Amino acid sequence: MAVRLYVDFNTMTTDPRERVYINPHTHSALAQKLHPGLVVTLYDEEMEVEAVVEFDEHDQAWLGQPNWSTRRELALPSNNDARPA
């Protein structure tokens, strides 16, 4: 089973590689399993994308390098089930 990590895609790096920061505190149970080259699924409320994990020695931060060709839009919950009171 692929590792799924919730991320904030607004935390992308400004370099041309467009990497996404992975917060190990949000994923404390998974933090010890992170290693460079690990293939994961990054997701938020709207989309998910496969990525390869990297460790940035300079910033001492885990990053995910998205493979944008695997991007999938996630269905948002609908309000069709709401009934008038």
Protein backbone atom coordinates (compact mmCIF):
# COMPACT_ATOMS: atom_id res chain seq x y z
CA MET A 1 0.00 0.00 0.00
CA ALA A 2 1.35 3.41 -0.98
CA VAL A 3 2.14 5.92 1.75
CA ARG A 4 -0.31 8.84 1.63
CA LEU A 5 0.85 12.16 3.08
CA TYR A 6 -1.35 15.19 3.58
CA VAL A 7 0.48 18.32 2.42
CA ASP A 8 -0.19 21.97 1.82
CA PHE A 9 0.57 22.49 -1.87
CA ASN A 10 0.99 26.21 -1.10
CA THR A 11 4.35 25.33 0.50
CA MET A 12 6.01 24.51 -2.79
CA THR A 13 9.60 25.59 -3.25
CA THR A 14 10.30 28.50 -5.55
CA ASP A 15 12.95 26.63 -7.49
CA PRO A 16 12.11 25.24 -10.95
CA ARG A 17 11.68 21.73 -9.51
CA GLU A 18 8.48 22.75 -7.65
CA ARG A 19 8.98 20.47 -4.67
CA VAL A 20 6.44 20.33 -1.82
CA TYR A 21 7.45 20.48 1.84
CA ILE A 22 6.45 17.44 3.92
CA ASN A 23 5.78 18.29 7.57
CA PRO A 24 7.13 15.35 9.62
CA HIS A 25 5.28 16.62 12.71
CA THR A 26 1.96 16.12 10.91
CA HIS A 27 3.05 12.59 10.04
CA SER A 28 4.94 11.63 13.20
CA ALA A 29 4.12 7.92 12.80
CA LEU A 30 5.47 7.98 9.25
CA ALA A 31 8.41 10.33 9.82
CA GLN A 32 10.76 7.48 10.71
CA LYS A 33 9.84 5.68 7.48
CA LEU A 34 10.68 8.61 5.19
CA HIS A 35 13.79 8.13 3.10
CA PRO A 36 15.08 9.58 -0.15
CA GLY A 37 13.61 7.79 -3.16
CA LEU A 38 10.44 6.64 -1.37
CA VAL A 39 7.42 6.93 -3.68
CA VAL A 40 4.42 8.44 -1.89
CA THR A 41 1.06 9.99 -2.67
CA LEU A 42 0.76 13.64 -1.66
CA TYR A 43 -2.77 14.94 -1.22
CA ASP A 44 -4.92 17.79 0.04
CA GLU A 45 -8.64 18.50 -0.09
CA GLU A 46 -8.67 18.96 -3.87
CA MET A 47 -6.08 16.68 -5.47
CA GLU A 48 -3.52 13.96 -5.09
CA VAL A 49 -0.29 13.29 -6.94
CA GLU A 50 2.47 10.71 -6.79
CA ALA A 51 5.83 12.04 -5.64
CA VAL A 52 9.35 10.94 -4.80
CA VAL A 53 10.67 11.89 -1.35
CA GLU A 54 13.89 13.90 -1.08
CA PHE A 55 15.78 15.31 1.89
CA ASP A 56 17.14 18.84 1.55
CA GLU A 57 20.39 18.92 3.54
CA HIS A 58 20.66 22.71 3.38
CA ASP A 59 17.19 23.35 4.84
CA GLN A 60 17.05 20.08 6.82
CA ALA A 61 13.60 19.43 5.36
CA TRP A 62 11.71 16.58 3.73
CA LEU A 63 10.34 17.38 0.29
CA GLY A 64 8.20 15.60 -2.27
CA GLN A 65 9.02 15.92 -5.97
CA PRO A 66 5.58 15.60 -7.63
CA ASN A 67 5.06 13.72 -10.86
CA TRP A 68 2.38 16.06 -12.19
CA SER A 69 1.33 13.59 -14.89
CA THR A 70 -0.23 11.50 -12.07
CA ARG A 71 -2.34 14.37 -10.68
CA ARG A 72 -5.91 13.36 -9.86
CA GLU A 73 -8.68 15.71 -8.82
CA LEU A 74 -10.55 14.55 -5.72
CA ALA A 75 -14.31 14.75 -5.52
CA LEU A 76 -15.47 17.39 -3.08
CA PRO A 77 -18.25 16.39 -0.67
CA SER A 78 -21.61 17.39 -2.07
CA ASN A 79 -24.40 19.13 -0.22
CA ASN A 80 -27.04 17.00 -1.96
CA ASP A 81 -27.61 15.11 1.26
CA ALA A 82 -28.57 18.24 3.18
CA ARG A 83 -32.26 18.30 3.98
CA PRO A 84 -34.28 21.31 5.08
CA ALA A 85 -35.08 21.37 8.80
